[in-house]
Protein backbone atom coordinates (compact mmCIF):
# COMPACT_ATOMS: atom_id res chain seq x y z
CA MET A 1 58.36 -52.04 29.61
CA THR A 2 58.68 -52.78 26.19
CA PRO A 3 58.03 -56.91 25.44
CA SER A 4 60.89 -58.75 24.03
CA ARG A 5 60.94 -59.79 20.51
CA SER A 6 60.23 -63.12 21.15
CA GLN A 7 57.76 -62.10 23.31
CA ARG A 8 56.10 -59.59 20.75
CA VAL A 9 55.95 -62.85 18.22
CA TYR A 10 54.81 -65.00 20.84
CA ILE A 11 51.96 -63.10 21.77
CA GLY A 12 50.85 -62.02 18.52
CA SER A 13 50.32 -64.95 16.72
CA ALA A 14 49.32 -66.60 19.81
CA LEU A 15 46.32 -64.23 19.81
CA ILE A 16 45.83 -64.66 16.75
CA VAL A 17 45.03 -68.19 16.40
CA LEU A 18 43.03 -67.67 19.81
CA LEU A 19 40.66 -65.69 18.18
CA LEU A 20 40.04 -67.92 15.33
CA VAL A 21 39.80 -70.32 17.83
CA ILE A 22 36.67 -67.96 19.80
CA VAL A 23 35.59 -67.04 16.38
CA GLY A 24 35.15 -70.96 15.26
CA ALA A 25 33.82 -72.21 18.28
CA SER A 26 30.88 -69.29 19.09
CA MET A 27 30.22 -69.21 15.05
CA PRO A 28 30.52 -72.36 13.74
CA ASP A 29 28.07 -72.14 11.04
CA ALA A 30 29.15 -68.51 10.38
CA PHE A 31 33.09 -69.21 10.34
CA GLY A 32 32.27 -72.73 8.16
CA LYS A 33 30.58 -70.70 5.72
CA ALA A 34 32.87 -67.66 5.79
CA ALA A 35 35.84 -70.08 5.34
CA ASP A 36 33.93 -71.71 2.42
CA THR A 37 33.78 -68.86 0.54
CA ALA A 38 37.26 -68.02 1.14
CA LEU A 39 38.50 -71.31 -0.34
CA THR A 40 36.51 -71.41 -3.22
CA THR A 41 38.21 -67.77 -4.30
CA ALA A 42 41.44 -68.34 -3.12
CA SER A 43 41.35 -71.60 -5.12
CA HIS A 44 40.01 -69.83 -7.97
CA TYR A 45 42.25 -67.61 -8.11
CA PHE A 46 45.58 -68.38 -7.02
CA GLY A 47 45.25 -72.43 -7.64
CA TRP A 48 47.69 -71.67 -11.22
CA LEU A 49 50.21 -70.13 -8.39
CA TYR A 50 50.27 -73.09 -6.01
CA LEU A 51 50.53 -75.57 -9.36
CA ILE A 52 53.77 -73.35 -10.65
CA SER A 53 55.40 -72.73 -7.11
CA VAL A 54 56.00 -76.42 -6.17
CA PHE A 55 56.93 -77.39 -9.75
CA GLY A 56 58.87 -74.43 -9.65
CA PHE A 57 60.53 -75.81 -6.44
CA VAL A 58 61.40 -78.89 -7.88
CA VAL A 59 63.30 -77.64 -10.35
CA PHE A 60 64.90 -75.25 -8.65
CA LEU A 61 66.40 -77.78 -6.13
CA ILE A 62 67.32 -80.36 -8.36
CA GLY A 63 69.23 -77.59 -10.49
CA LEU A 64 71.11 -76.56 -7.68
CA ALA A 65 71.96 -80.00 -6.27
CA PHE A 66 73.78 -80.42 -9.65
CA SER A 67 74.96 -76.98 -10.30
CA ARG A 68 78.15 -75.51 -9.05
CA TYR A 69 76.58 -74.70 -6.05
CA GLY A 70 76.16 -78.59 -4.68
CA LYS A 71 79.26 -78.78 -2.91
CA ILE A 72 78.66 -76.28 -0.42
CA ARG A 73 78.18 -77.70 2.94
CA LEU A 74 75.42 -76.66 5.64
CA GLY A 75 77.62 -76.01 8.21
CA ALA A 76 81.17 -75.13 8.15
CA PRO A 77 83.39 -75.68 4.75
CA TYR A 78 85.21 -78.76 6.41
CA SER A 79 82.71 -80.09 8.85
CA GLU A 80 81.40 -83.49 8.91
CA PRO A 81 77.52 -84.60 8.95
CA GLU A 82 76.38 -85.30 12.56
CA TYR A 83 74.98 -88.11 11.45
CA THR A 84 75.90 -91.29 10.03
CA PHE A 85 73.99 -91.67 5.83
CA PHE A 86 72.11 -94.71 7.71
CA SER A 87 71.26 -92.71 10.47
CA TRP A 88 70.08 -89.51 8.46
CA VAL A 89 68.07 -92.01 5.97
CA SER A 90 66.38 -93.79 9.13
CA MET A 91 65.08 -90.19 10.16
CA LEU A 92 64.25 -88.86 6.85
CA LEU A 93 62.33 -92.06 6.77
CA ALA A 94 60.31 -91.66 9.90
CA ALA A 95 59.93 -88.21 9.06
CA GLY A 96 58.07 -89.70 6.08
CA PHE A 97 55.64 -91.36 7.40
CA GLY A 98 52.73 -89.20 8.59
CA VAL A 99 49.25 -88.89 9.64
CA GLY A 100 48.04 -88.08 6.37
CA LEU A 101 49.66 -90.72 4.32
CA VAL A 102 47.97 -93.52 6.60
CA PHE A 103 44.69 -91.46 6.03
CA TYR A 104 45.10 -90.88 2.30
CA GLY A 105 47.00 -93.86 1.52
CA LEU A 106 44.73 -96.44 0.83
CA ALA A 107 41.36 -93.99 0.10
CA GLU A 108 43.07 -91.99 -2.26
CA PRO A 109 43.53 -94.48 -5.00
CA VAL A 110 40.30 -96.18 -4.59
CA LEU A 111 38.63 -92.90 -4.40
CA HIS A 112 40.40 -91.92 -7.95
CA TYR A 113 39.67 -95.57 -9.25
CA LEU A 114 35.88 -94.49 -8.64
CA LYS A 115 36.53 -91.17 -10.15
CA PRO A 116 38.92 -90.42 -12.27
CA PRO A 117 40.75 -86.96 -11.95
CA TYR A 118 39.68 -84.53 -14.04
CA ASP A 119 36.85 -86.87 -15.78
CA ASP A 120 39.51 -88.14 -17.94
CA MET A 121 37.88 -91.44 -18.18
CA PRO A 122 34.79 -93.85 -17.06
CA GLY A 123 35.32 -94.99 -13.66
CA PRO A 124 35.55 -97.87 -12.03
CA THR A 125 37.32 -99.77 -15.02
CA PRO A 126 41.05 -101.40 -15.02
CA GLU A 127 42.25 -98.33 -16.62
CA SER A 128 40.93 -96.25 -14.22
CA ALA A 129 42.95 -98.07 -11.07
CA ARG A 130 46.18 -97.99 -12.75
CA TYR A 131 45.31 -93.94 -13.18
CA ALA A 132 44.78 -94.19 -9.54
CA ILE A 133 47.95 -95.19 -8.96
CA GLN A 134 49.58 -92.68 -11.16
CA TYR A 135 48.00 -89.58 -9.82
CA SER A 136 48.51 -91.47 -6.12
CA PHE A 137 52.52 -91.29 -6.31
CA PHE A 138 52.39 -87.42 -7.71
CA HIS A 139 50.63 -86.29 -4.80
CA TRP A 140 52.54 -87.66 -2.37
CA GLY A 141 55.61 -87.76 -4.72
CA ILE A 142 58.79 -85.43 -5.41
CA SER A 143 56.25 -82.31 -5.07
CA GLN A 144 55.19 -82.70 -1.72
CA TRP A 145 58.76 -83.38 -0.33
CA ALA A 146 59.95 -79.85 -2.54
CA GLY A 147 58.02 -77.68 -0.19
CA PHE A 148 59.38 -79.09 2.71
CA SER A 149 63.14 -79.22 1.47
CA ILE A 150 63.09 -75.83 0.09
CA VAL A 151 62.53 -74.03 3.76
CA GLY A 152 64.87 -77.05 5.25
CA LEU A 153 67.67 -76.05 3.25
CA ILE A 154 67.49 -72.07 3.49
CA ILE A 155 66.86 -72.92 7.31
CA ALA A 156 69.62 -75.19 7.40
CA TYR A 157 71.96 -72.97 5.45
CA PHE A 158 71.45 -70.06 7.55
CA GLN A 159 71.50 -71.67 10.80
CA PHE A 160 74.71 -74.00 10.29
CA ARG A 161 76.69 -72.09 7.20
CA LYS A 162 75.79 -68.70 8.57
CA ARG A 163 75.19 -69.49 12.45
CA ARG A 164 72.36 -67.55 13.10
CA SER A 165 68.87 -68.49 13.86
CA GLY A 166 66.85 -69.97 11.39
CA LEU A 167 63.58 -67.84 11.93
CA VAL A 168 62.00 -66.58 8.61
CA SER A 169 63.01 -62.90 9.65
CA THR A 170 66.72 -63.72 9.67
CA VAL A 171 66.27 -65.21 6.52
CA MET A 172 64.74 -62.24 4.98
CA GLU A 173 66.82 -59.36 6.56
CA PRO A 174 68.76 -58.66 3.30
CA VAL A 175 65.50 -57.42 2.56
CA THR A 176 63.82 -55.86 5.38
CA ASP A 177 67.36 -53.99 5.65
CA LYS A 178 66.36 -52.08 2.88
CA LEU A 179 62.81 -50.99 4.82
CA PRO A 180 62.68 -47.56 6.39
CA ALA A 181 64.22 -47.99 10.30
CA PRO A 182 60.81 -47.72 12.13
CA ALA A 183 59.34 -50.24 9.95
CA ARG A 184 61.99 -52.94 10.02
CA GLN A 185 61.43 -54.62 13.33
CA PRO A 186 57.37 -54.32 12.85
CA THR A 187 57.61 -55.81 9.50
CA SER A 188 60.22 -58.92 11.13
CA ASP A 189 57.51 -59.48 13.97
CA ALA A 190 54.99 -60.23 11.09
CA LEU A 191 57.11 -62.13 8.92
CA ASN A 192 57.40 -64.81 12.24
CA ILE A 193 53.73 -64.10 12.85
CA PHE A 194 52.58 -65.12 9.13
CA ALA A 195 55.24 -68.43 9.39
CA VAL A 196 53.79 -69.48 13.04
CA VAL A 197 50.29 -69.28 11.83
CA ALA A 198 50.72 -70.72 8.99
CA THR A 199 52.63 -74.18 10.82
CA VAL A 200 49.64 -74.01 13.38
CA MET A 201 46.87 -74.32 10.60
CA GLY A 202 49.03 -76.89 8.78
CA VAL A 203 49.99 -78.95 12.09
CA ALA A 204 46.16 -78.62 12.80
CA THR A 205 45.32 -80.09 9.63
CA SER A 206 47.39 -83.06 10.04
CA LEU A 207 45.84 -83.59 13.41
CA GLY A 208 42.65 -83.20 12.31
CA LEU A 209 42.76 -86.16 9.72
CA GLY A 210 44.18 -88.89 12.63
CA VAL A 211 41.18 -87.55 14.85
CA LEU A 212 38.77 -87.90 12.27
CA GLN A 213 40.45 -91.62 11.10
CA ILE A 214 40.47 -92.67 14.80
CA ASN A 215 36.83 -92.10 15.49
CA GLY A 216 36.06 -93.80 12.05
CA GLY A 217 38.05 -96.74 13.24
CA LEU A 218 36.40 -96.50 16.60
CA ASN A 219 32.93 -96.52 15.01
CA GLN A 220 33.65 -99.37 12.74
CA VAL A 221 35.21 -101.43 15.01
CA PHE A 222 33.12 -100.83 18.44
CA GLY A 223 30.32 -99.28 17.23
CA ILE A 224 31.32 -96.03 19.12
CA PRO A 225 29.38 -93.04 17.66
CA ASP A 226 31.27 -90.56 15.28
CA THR A 227 30.11 -87.42 16.80
CA THR A 228 32.18 -84.34 18.38
CA LEU A 229 31.92 -85.36 21.74
CA TRP A 230 34.62 -88.59 20.86
CA LYS A 231 36.44 -86.00 18.90
CA PHE A 232 37.09 -84.15 22.11
CA ILE A 233 37.91 -86.63 24.05
CA ILE A 234 40.35 -88.18 21.70
CA LEU A 235 41.99 -84.67 21.35
CA GLY A 236 42.35 -84.71 25.04
CA VAL A 237 43.75 -88.09 25.47
CA MET A 238 46.19 -86.57 23.04
CA CYS A 239 46.95 -83.60 25.03
CA ALA A 240 47.49 -85.43 28.51
CA CYS A 241 50.02 -88.13 25.99
CA TYR A 242 51.72 -84.91 24.52
CA THR A 243 52.25 -83.41 27.98
CA LEU A 244 53.82 -86.58 29.44
CA SER A 245 55.76 -86.76 26.01
CA SER A 246 56.99 -82.85 26.61
CA TYR A 247 58.02 -82.90 30.19
CA SER A 248 60.30 -86.42 29.24
CA GLY A 249 62.41 -84.14 26.88
CA LEU A 250 62.95 -84.02 23.13
CA ASP A 251 65.63 -86.60 22.70
CA LYS A 252 63.80 -88.83 25.10
CA GLY A 253 59.67 -88.71 24.13
CA ILE A 254 59.44 -87.46 20.27
CA GLN A 255 62.70 -90.09 19.34
CA TRP A 256 60.75 -93.04 21.37
CA LEU A 257 57.42 -92.33 19.41
CA SER A 258 59.41 -91.86 16.32
CA ASN A 259 61.08 -95.71 16.72
CA ILE A 260 57.74 -96.89 17.38
CA ASN A 261 55.82 -95.16 14.74
CA LEU A 262 58.24 -96.62 12.12
CA ALA A 263 58.00 -100.01 13.36
CA LEU A 264 53.82 -100.12 13.46
CA CYS A 265 54.68 -99.03 9.85
CA LEU A 266 56.76 -100.83 8.38
CA GLY A 267 55.29 -103.68 10.23
CA LEU A 268 51.48 -103.03 8.76
CA MET A 269 53.33 -102.87 5.50
CA GLY A 270 54.93 -106.26 5.39
CA TRP A 271 52.02 -107.78 6.63
CA VAL A 272 49.47 -106.58 3.78
CA LEU A 273 52.38 -107.31 1.07
CA PHE A 274 53.06 -110.58 2.31
CA THR A 275 49.51 -112.19 2.66
CA GLY A 276 47.90 -109.98 -0.03
CA PRO A 277 48.58 -110.35 -3.36
CA THR A 278 52.26 -110.03 -3.37
CA LEU A 279 52.76 -110.10 -7.11
CA PHE A 280 49.85 -107.57 -7.91
CA ILE A 281 51.48 -105.22 -5.73
CA LEU A 282 54.95 -105.13 -6.44
CA ASN A 283 53.96 -105.05 -10.50
CA THR A 284 51.40 -102.22 -8.98
CA ILE A 285 54.54 -100.44 -7.82
CA VAL A 286 56.64 -100.15 -10.75
CA VAL A 287 53.78 -99.54 -13.21
CA GLY A 288 52.85 -96.58 -11.08
CA LEU A 289 56.32 -95.34 -10.59
CA GLY A 290 56.91 -95.42 -14.46
CA ASP A 291 53.41 -93.59 -15.21
CA TYR A 292 53.85 -91.01 -12.44
CA ILE A 293 57.95 -90.45 -14.03
CA ALA A 294 56.46 -90.13 -17.58
CA ASN A 295 53.78 -87.64 -16.78
CA PHE A 296 55.12 -85.15 -14.30
CA VAL A 297 55.75 -82.41 -15.85
CA THR A 298 51.90 -82.69 -17.34
CA MET A 299 50.23 -83.14 -13.75
CA SER A 300 53.06 -81.12 -12.40
CA LEU A 301 50.97 -77.44 -14.36
CA ARG A 302 47.96 -79.41 -15.60
CA MET A 303 44.32 -77.25 -15.16
CA ASN A 304 40.94 -77.18 -16.76
CA PRO A 305 40.93 -73.28 -18.17
CA PHE A 306 38.94 -74.56 -21.15
CA ARG A 307 36.68 -77.07 -19.75
CA GLU A 308 33.87 -76.49 -16.59
CA THR A 309 34.46 -79.28 -15.06
CA GLY A 310 37.86 -80.51 -13.16
CA GLU A 311 38.38 -77.31 -11.17
CA ASP A 312 36.42 -79.21 -7.96
CA TRP A 313 38.46 -82.09 -8.47
CA ILE A 314 41.51 -79.81 -8.34
CA THR A 315 41.06 -77.21 -5.57
CA SER A 316 39.97 -80.81 -3.29
CA TRP A 317 43.11 -82.58 -4.18
CA THR A 318 46.45 -80.98 -5.66
CA VAL A 319 45.97 -77.39 -4.51
CA PHE A 320 44.84 -78.66 -1.16
CA TYR A 321 47.85 -80.77 -1.09
CA TRP A 322 50.21 -78.31 -2.25
CA ALA A 323 48.54 -75.54 0.27
CA TRP A 324 48.96 -77.87 3.00
CA VAL A 325 52.53 -78.57 1.72
CA ILE A 326 53.59 -74.94 1.99
CA ALA A 327 51.60 -74.58 4.85
CA TRP A 328 53.42 -77.54 7.05
CA SER A 329 56.92 -76.42 5.31
CA PRO A 330 58.49 -74.09 8.48
CA PHE A 331 57.79 -77.40 10.65
CA VAL A 332 59.15 -80.23 8.72
CA GLY A 333 61.55 -77.74 7.10
CA THR A 334 63.19 -76.97 10.31
CA PHE A 335 63.11 -80.55 11.62
CA VAL A 336 64.88 -81.78 8.59
CA ALA A 337 67.22 -79.04 8.66
CA ARG A 338 68.36 -80.08 12.10
CA ILE A 339 69.40 -83.48 10.86
CA SER A 340 70.93 -82.22 8.26
CA LYS A 341 74.09 -80.42 9.42
CA GLY A 342 77.46 -81.07 7.99
CA ARG A 343 75.97 -82.28 4.62
CA THR A 344 76.64 -81.05 1.26
CA ILE A 345 73.43 -79.18 -0.72
CA ARG A 346 73.83 -82.14 -3.29
CA GLU A 347 73.64 -84.95 -0.71
CA TYR A 348 70.63 -83.09 1.10
CA VAL A 349 68.37 -82.71 -1.96
CA MET A 350 69.25 -85.78 -3.56
CA GLY A 351 68.02 -87.67 -0.26
CA VAL A 352 65.14 -85.92 1.03
CA LEU A 353 63.70 -85.87 -2.75
CA ILE A 354 63.90 -89.45 -3.27
CA VAL A 355 63.73 -91.34 0.34
CA PRO A 356 61.00 -90.17 1.79
CA PRO A 357 58.90 -89.99 -1.62
CA LEU A 358 60.17 -94.00 -2.39
CA LEU A 359 58.83 -94.56 1.10
CA ALA A 360 55.33 -92.78 0.41
CA CYS A 361 54.79 -94.82 -2.83
CA GLY A 362 55.61 -97.78 -1.43
CA PHE A 363 52.92 -97.15 1.22
CA ILE A 364 50.65 -96.08 -1.23
CA GLY A 365 51.57 -99.15 -3.17
CA VAL A 366 51.18 -101.77 -0.95
CA PHE A 367 47.59 -100.95 0.21
CA GLY A 368 45.89 -98.93 -2.48
CA GLY A 369 47.45 -101.43 -4.89
CA ALA A 370 45.76 -104.34 -2.18
CA ALA A 371 42.54 -102.32 -2.42
CA LEU A 372 42.33 -101.98 -5.53
CA HIS A 373 43.06 -105.68 -6.28
CA MET A 374 39.99 -106.77 -4.06
CA GLU A 375 37.80 -104.36 -6.16
CA LEU A 376 38.68 -105.81 -9.44
CA PHE A 377 39.55 -109.67 -9.03
CA GLY A 378 38.43 -110.37 -5.22
CA ASP A 379 35.68 -110.93 -3.29
CA ALA A 380 34.97 -106.93 -2.40
CA GLY A 381 31.93 -106.35 -4.72
CA GLY A 382 31.92 -103.16 -4.32
CA THR A 383 32.22 -102.74 -0.69
CA LEU A 384 35.45 -101.20 -0.25
CA THR A 385 34.62 -98.40 -2.84
CA GLY A 386 31.25 -98.16 -0.88
CA ALA A 387 33.04 -97.30 2.08
CA VAL A 388 35.49 -94.98 0.84
CA ASP A 389 33.03 -93.07 -1.16
CA GLU A 390 30.92 -92.98 1.89
CA ASN A 391 32.97 -92.32 4.58
CA ILE A 392 36.55 -91.88 4.04
CA THR A 393 37.81 -92.14 7.70
CA SER A 394 36.34 -96.01 8.20
CA ALA A 395 38.32 -96.97 4.71
CA LEU A 396 41.64 -98.40 6.19
CA PHE A 397 39.10 -100.04 8.64
CA THR A 398 37.00 -101.45 6.40
CA PHE A 399 39.82 -102.72 4.16
CA PHE A 400 41.43 -104.81 7.46
CA ASP A 401 37.94 -106.19 7.73
CA MET A 402 38.65 -108.57 4.46
CA MET A 403 41.94 -109.35 5.85
CA PRO A 404 43.08 -112.15 8.54
CA PHE A 405 43.50 -111.30 12.19
CA SER A 406 41.19 -108.01 11.24
CA MET A 407 40.81 -107.01 14.67
CA VAL A 408 44.36 -106.62 15.35
CA LEU A 409 45.05 -104.69 12.27
CA SER A 410 42.62 -102.28 13.18
CA VAL A 411 43.80 -101.50 16.64
CA LEU A 412 47.69 -101.38 15.40
CA ALA A 413 46.18 -98.57 12.81
CA MET A 414 44.30 -96.76 15.60
CA CYS A 415 47.57 -97.22 17.83
CA LEU A 416 49.53 -96.26 14.82
CA ILE A 417 47.16 -93.08 14.04
CA PHE A 418 46.97 -92.00 17.91
CA VAL A 419 51.30 -92.25 18.03
CA PHE A 420 51.73 -90.38 15.24
CA LEU A 421 49.07 -87.58 16.33
CA VAL A 422 51.15 -87.51 19.78
CA THR A 423 54.33 -86.86 17.80
CA SER A 424 53.15 -84.47 15.40
CA ALA A 425 51.62 -82.24 18.32
CA ASP A 426 54.84 -83.08 20.73
CA SER A 427 57.04 -82.12 17.79
CA ALA A 428 55.08 -79.30 16.09
CA SER A 429 54.47 -77.54 19.53
CA TYR A 430 58.54 -77.70 19.82
CA ILE A 431 59.22 -75.93 16.51
CA VAL A 432 56.40 -73.41 17.09
CA ALA A 433 57.75 -72.63 20.41
CA GLN A 434 61.45 -72.54 18.83
CA MET A 435 59.97 -70.25 16.30
CA THR A 436 58.04 -67.83 19.04
CA ASP A 437 61.28 -67.79 21.05
CA GLU A 438 63.79 -66.53 18.48
CA GLY A 439 64.81 -69.33 17.56
CA SER A 440 66.06 -70.85 20.58
CA LEU A 441 67.14 -74.75 20.65
CA GLU A 442 65.72 -74.80 24.19
CA PRO A 443 62.26 -72.87 24.42
CA PRO A 444 60.53 -72.94 27.86
CA LEU A 445 58.30 -75.42 29.02
CA TYR A 446 55.40 -72.79 29.16
CA LYS A 447 55.58 -71.83 25.44
CA ARG A 448 55.36 -75.56 24.39
CA LEU A 449 52.61 -76.75 26.38
CA SER A 450 50.79 -73.20 25.46
CA TRP A 451 51.25 -74.04 21.86
CA GLY A 452 50.34 -77.91 22.26
CA LEU A 453 46.75 -76.67 23.69
CA LEU A 454 46.39 -73.88 21.07
CA ILE A 455 46.82 -76.37 18.39
CA SER A 456 44.46 -78.97 19.54
CA ALA A 457 41.93 -76.12 20.06
CA ILE A 458 42.16 -74.77 16.34
CA CYS A 459 42.30 -78.64 15.15
CA LEU A 460 38.50 -79.17 16.96
CA THR A 461 37.01 -75.71 15.77
CA LEU A 462 38.45 -76.41 12.36
CA ILE A 463 36.57 -80.20 12.69
CA MET A 464 33.33 -78.49 14.20
CA ALA A 465 33.18 -75.76 11.59
CA GLY A 466 33.24 -78.07 8.46
CA GLY A 467 35.21 -81.41 9.36
CA LEU A 468 37.35 -82.34 6.59
CA LYS A 469 36.32 -79.36 4.59
CA GLY A 470 37.53 -77.16 6.90
CA LEU A 471 40.78 -78.93 7.41
CA GLN A 472 40.98 -78.29 4.17
CA THR A 473 40.39 -74.57 4.17
CA ALA A 474 42.16 -73.80 6.96
CA SER A 475 45.53 -75.44 5.03
CA LEU A 476 44.75 -73.55 1.75
CA LEU A 477 44.36 -70.14 3.68
CA ALA A 478 47.07 -69.69 5.95
CA ALA A 479 49.74 -71.10 3.14
CA LEU A 480 48.60 -68.38 0.87
CA PRO A 481 50.76 -65.64 2.58
CA PHE A 482 53.37 -67.66 3.50
CA LEU A 483 53.83 -68.35 -0.23
CA VAL A 484 54.35 -64.91 -0.87
CA ILE A 485 57.37 -64.96 2.04
CA LEU A 486 58.94 -68.03 0.46
CA TYR A 487 59.38 -66.46 -3.09
CA PHE A 488 61.65 -63.96 -1.11
CA MET A 489 63.24 -66.09 1.07
CA VAL A 490 64.69 -68.34 -1.87
CA PHE A 491 65.33 -65.27 -3.69
CA VAL A 492 67.72 -63.95 -0.60
CA LEU A 493 69.38 -67.53 -0.74
CA ALA A 494 70.37 -67.79 -4.40
CA GLY A 495 72.24 -64.19 -3.59
CA GLU A 496 73.91 -65.35 -0.41
CA LEU A 497 75.20 -68.81 -2.55
CA ARG A 498 76.54 -66.61 -5.16
CA HIS A 499 78.28 -64.55 -2.29
CA ASP A 500 79.11 -67.29 -0.71
CA ARG A 501 81.07 -69.02 -3.58
CA ARG A 502 82.71 -65.93 -4.51
CA ARG A 503 83.94 -65.35 -1.04
CA MET A 504 85.69 -68.75 -1.35
CA LEU A 505 87.28 -68.61 -4.38
CA LEU A 506 88.66 -64.80 -3.64
CA ASP A 507 89.83 -66.44 0.05
CA LEU A 508 91.97 -69.32 -2.33
CA TYR A 509 92.89 -66.40 -4.97
CA GLU A 510 94.76 -64.93 -1.98
CA LYS A 511 95.89 -67.66 -0.55
CA HIS A 512 97.54 -69.02 -3.28
CA HIS A 513 97.77 -65.83 -5.94
CA GLU A 514 96.63 -67.73 -8.60
CA MET A 515 92.77 -68.50 -9.99
CA PRO A 516 91.22 -71.58 -8.36
CA VAL A 517 90.72 -74.26 -10.69
CA GLY A 518 86.40 -74.49 -11.65
CA ALA A 519 86.32 -70.82 -11.50
CA ASP A 520 84.63 -69.23 -14.73
CA ALA A 521 86.47 -66.49 -16.60
CA PHE A 522 83.66 -64.01 -15.38
CA GLU A 523 84.02 -65.04 -11.79
CA ALA A 524 87.95 -64.57 -12.21
CA ARG A 525 87.48 -61.16 -13.51
CA ASP A 526 84.88 -60.42 -10.53
CA ILE A 527 87.48 -61.64 -8.45
CA LEU A 528 90.47 -59.44 -9.49
CA ASN A 529 88.49 -56.56 -9.66
CA ASP A 530 87.55 -56.89 -5.86
CA VAL A 531 90.94 -57.46 -4.77
CA TRP A 532 92.65 -54.13 -6.82
CA ASP A 533 89.32 -52.25 -5.24
CA GLU A 534 90.75 -53.78 -1.83
CA ILE A 535 94.17 -52.48 -2.61
CA ASP A 536 92.94 -48.83 -3.93
CA ALA A 537 91.50 -48.78 -0.90
CA GLU A 538 94.43 -49.47 1.43
CA ASP A 539 96.44 -47.67 -0.92
CA ALA A 540 93.55 -44.54 -0.10
CA ASP A 541 94.06 -45.21 3.55
CA ASP A 542 98.09 -44.98 3.11
CA GLU A 543 97.94 -42.00 1.38
CA GLY A 544 95.26 -40.27 3.93
CA GLY A 545 97.67 -40.83 7.20
CA ARG A 546 100.66 -39.56 5.34
CA ALA A 547 98.68 -36.68 4.26
CA GLN A 548 97.01 -36.60 8.02
CA GLU A 549 101.40 -37.01 8.96
CA ARG A 550 102.13 -33.87 6.79
CA GLN A 551 99.67 -31.44 8.31
CA ARG A 552 100.28 -32.87 12.05
CA ARG A 553 103.99 -31.47 11.03
């Protein structure tokens, strides 16, 4: 018996991930070397593609929001948002935080302070501190959320406007339908498998960062060894908690955990802001936003073709971030799409591109600003920068050691990271199960549990094969094929939006017998041509019917 479409995608993608786990676990050194070679090659030859693509997504989304398509709703023409603006923004804030932000929120500004991007200036200096905040805001700002929101917009449009499944293959049907009939179904399955594997790698990267940081915190606070065994134990406990969350259901489990995440994040931010150098932090955030906005285009498209130095930096930072974003975009995009039903494209784009990036910049400004103040004006004396440079996973806990109630703060931070791990695994396995079950809103439990285990397994494999470097490699390589698919998806969306607008104008013309206000001369001509084509077709049918009647008589 031939397996169904959903089973083909499920089995195919699961086998690919399982094969990577087996190869990586049995030959970690060889797997790590091969991955490192692939990372170097991909970043060297395709780094430019990641940069120009993410910048292009920003331009496309902002242009779309303020274009004549901005008022099109992600749902029926007269539908209303399912959530109030306050609830929608709250869920966006919950989605805006993640393990990666907790991992890099403090460490990244300190690392850029020590070694400024592209070797543009000596460090550590006050000038490099300001530069560090600028680039940290850039990496966690609009560009990152453009990658998430472009996928979310496409999924929401097809799910709620077109009332079709939000699968990659569904979006790509205008392209795949032009292929020969025998090649259509295998191509559609391959597209869905690519999306699943890219999502799994992106989520595994995020989970891996969290596991590394928890192990670093346990080592810093309680002296527990930073070993593979303890990473395995952390993942095992996470899987047990994730399983309980899965049994409790989507609304109860993920919603409850997300509320805890947001409360812990805001609580830690508030504590550092009001017990630390408050005025310095606020000034740092304002200056950082100004530098970020003023230099956005330059940072977005900057590379170093005229110098031999700098390529390692852009590979380790900007290219890695953008690859991670693209690999994780089907997961985050699907979540953002589900909560955005009924909103206009303009509301969606402006909300997603403004609210989460502002919160991320606030988090970096609070923790990164406080850390830089300790180094520049406090009693840190190089302790914090040395700890960050030596072991990035323990940077946050070294920072807490210099604050009041350090033990309480460190324990709360580890709880926060752990809850993020469980939430990410639970929600990601739900989304991946959905992608391997023909877009079903209620995928079977066995798929959710199996994907949770596979994501954890590939996460541990990547850590064993290369630690942080292995996680970066996985994201970059998994994102490359999906980036090509994403270009086709954007092309299809643009065509569907043009057709959608013309259809609406034609309906209004037929209803009121006059051209709608807002249609330009070219649209009016095209619509009138469509009307006359339909009239000619009806006349031809009538003439054909009369000819058949005469022949019958």
